[in-house]
Amino acid sequence: MDEWNMMIDMNSRGILYGISAELPAMREQKSGHIIKLSSIAGHNVYPDSTVYCAIRHAVKA
């Protein structure tokens, strides 16, 4: 469970924190783009990496 939480914190919450940090500037200038990068694990599920694949899919989605 600790490893899962660490993966969620780094790979999912990290992106959300980055987006929330950029939103004020984008709102002020009334434009902007956010590009999220994921990995092939967001498209394919590997039996020994199901939690990681789920997190990468969440980023993709």
C-alpha atoms as a PDB file:
ATOM      1  CA  MET A   1       0.000   0.000   0.000  1.00  0.00           C
ATOM      2  CA  ASP A   2       2.842   2.423   0.749  1.00  0.00           C
ATOM      3  CA  GLU A   3       4.318   1.841  -2.691  1.00  0.00           C
ATOM      4  CA  TRP A   4       0.914   2.395  -4.300  1.00  0.00           C
ATOM      5  CA  ASN A   5       0.437   5.659  -2.408  1.00  0.00           C
ATOM      6  CA  MET A   6       3.888   6.843  -3.443  1.00  0.00           C
ATOM      7  CA  MET A   7       3.103   6.077  -7.110  1.00  0.00           C
ATOM      8  CA  ILE A   8      -0.234   7.891  -6.863  1.00  0.00           C
ATOM      9  CA  ASP A   9       1.390  10.907  -5.187  1.00  0.00           C
ATOM     10  CA  MET A  10       4.161  11.204  -7.778  1.00  0.00           C
ATOM     11  CA  ASN A  11       2.361  10.249 -10.960  1.00  0.00           C
ATOM     12  CA  SER A  12      -1.150  11.560 -10.427  1.00  0.00           C
ATOM     13  CA  ARG A  13      -1.179  14.197  -7.730  1.00  0.00           C
ATOM     14  CA  GLY A  14       2.047  15.669  -9.072  1.00  0.00           C
ATOM     15  CA  ILE A  15       0.324  16.453 -12.357  1.00  0.00           C
ATOM     16  CA  LEU A  16      -2.696  17.905 -10.579  1.00  0.00           C
ATOM     17  CA  TYR A  17      -0.465  20.137  -8.442  1.00  0.00           C
ATOM     18  CA  GLY A  18       1.355  21.323 -11.554  1.00  0.00           C
ATOM     19  CA  ILE A  19      -1.915  22.155 -13.292  1.00  0.00           C
ATOM     20  CA  SER A  20      -3.211  24.054 -10.269  1.00  0.00           C
ATOM     21  CA  ALA A  21       0.028  26.046 -10.114  1.00  0.00           C
ATOM     22  CA  GLU A  22      -0.337  27.144 -13.746  1.00  0.00           C
ATOM     23  CA  LEU A  23      -4.063  27.931 -13.761  1.00  0.00           C
ATOM     24  CA  PRO A  24      -3.820  31.410 -12.159  1.00  0.00           C
ATOM     25  CA  ALA A  25      -1.397  32.631 -14.852  1.00  0.00           C
ATOM     26  CA  MET A  26      -3.488  31.089 -17.619  1.00  0.00           C
ATOM     27  CA  ARG A  27      -6.639  32.693 -16.276  1.00  0.00           C
ATOM     28  CA  GLU A  28      -4.906  36.069 -16.018  1.00  0.00           C
ATOM     29  CA  GLN A  29      -3.675  35.967 -19.600  1.00  0.00           C
ATOM     30  CA  LYS A  30      -6.912  34.294 -20.756  1.00  0.00           C
ATOM     31  CA  SER A  31      -5.046  31.607 -22.671  1.00  0.00           C
ATOM     32  CA  GLY A  32      -2.594  28.770 -22.393  1.00  0.00           C
ATOM     33  CA  HIS A  33      -2.073  25.098 -22.942  1.00  0.00           C
ATOM     34  CA  ILE A  34      -1.257  22.257 -20.623  1.00  0.00           C
ATOM     35  CA  ILE A  35       0.451  19.251 -22.151  1.00  0.00           C
ATOM     36  CA  LYS A  36       0.452  16.094 -20.063  1.00  0.00           C
ATOM     37  CA  LEU A  37       2.871  13.293 -20.831  1.00  0.00           C
ATOM     38  CA  SER A  38       2.155   9.725 -19.920  1.00  0.00           C
ATOM     39  CA  SER A  39       3.630   6.443 -21.069  1.00  0.00           C
ATOM     40  CA  ILE A  40       2.666   3.379 -23.047  1.00  0.00           C
ATOM     41  CA  ALA A  41       1.456   1.974 -19.714  1.00  0.00           C
ATOM     42  CA  GLY A  42      -1.535   4.271 -20.078  1.00  0.00           C
ATOM     43  CA  HIS A  43      -2.577   2.291 -23.141  1.00  0.00           C
ATOM     44  CA  ASN A  44      -1.551  -1.230 -22.192  1.00  0.00           C
ATOM     45  CA  VAL A  45      -1.967  -3.071 -18.909  1.00  0.00           C
ATOM     46  CA  TYR A  46       0.925  -5.188 -17.701  1.00  0.00           C
ATOM     47  CA  PRO A  47       0.124  -7.854 -15.070  1.00  0.00           C
ATOM     48  CA  ASP A  48       2.939  -6.854 -12.732  1.00  0.00           C
ATOM     49  CA  SER A  49       2.206  -3.113 -12.990  1.00  0.00           C
ATOM     50  CA  THR A  50      -1.551  -2.736 -12.713  1.00  0.00           C
ATOM     51  CA  VAL A  51      -1.519   0.213 -10.280  1.00  0.00           C
ATOM     52  CA  TYR A  52       1.072   2.081 -12.339  1.00  0.00           C
ATOM     53  CA  CYS A  53      -0.883   1.397 -15.542  1.00  0.00           C
ATOM     54  CA  ALA A  54      -4.089   2.665 -13.925  1.00  0.00           C
ATOM     55  CA  ILE A  55      -2.369   5.880 -12.854  1.00  0.00           C
ATOM     56  CA  ARG A  56      -0.892   6.424 -16.328  1.00  0.00           C
ATOM     57  CA  HIS A  57      -4.331   5.843 -17.858  1.00  0.00           C
ATOM     58  CA  ALA A  58      -5.776   8.456 -15.496  1.00  0.00           C
ATOM     59  CA  VAL A  59      -3.168  10.932 -16.750  1.00  0.00           C
ATOM     60  CA  LYS A  60      -4.048  10.088 -20.344  1.00  0.00           C
ATOM     61  CA  ALA A  61      -7.756  10.401 -19.680  1.00  0.00           C
END
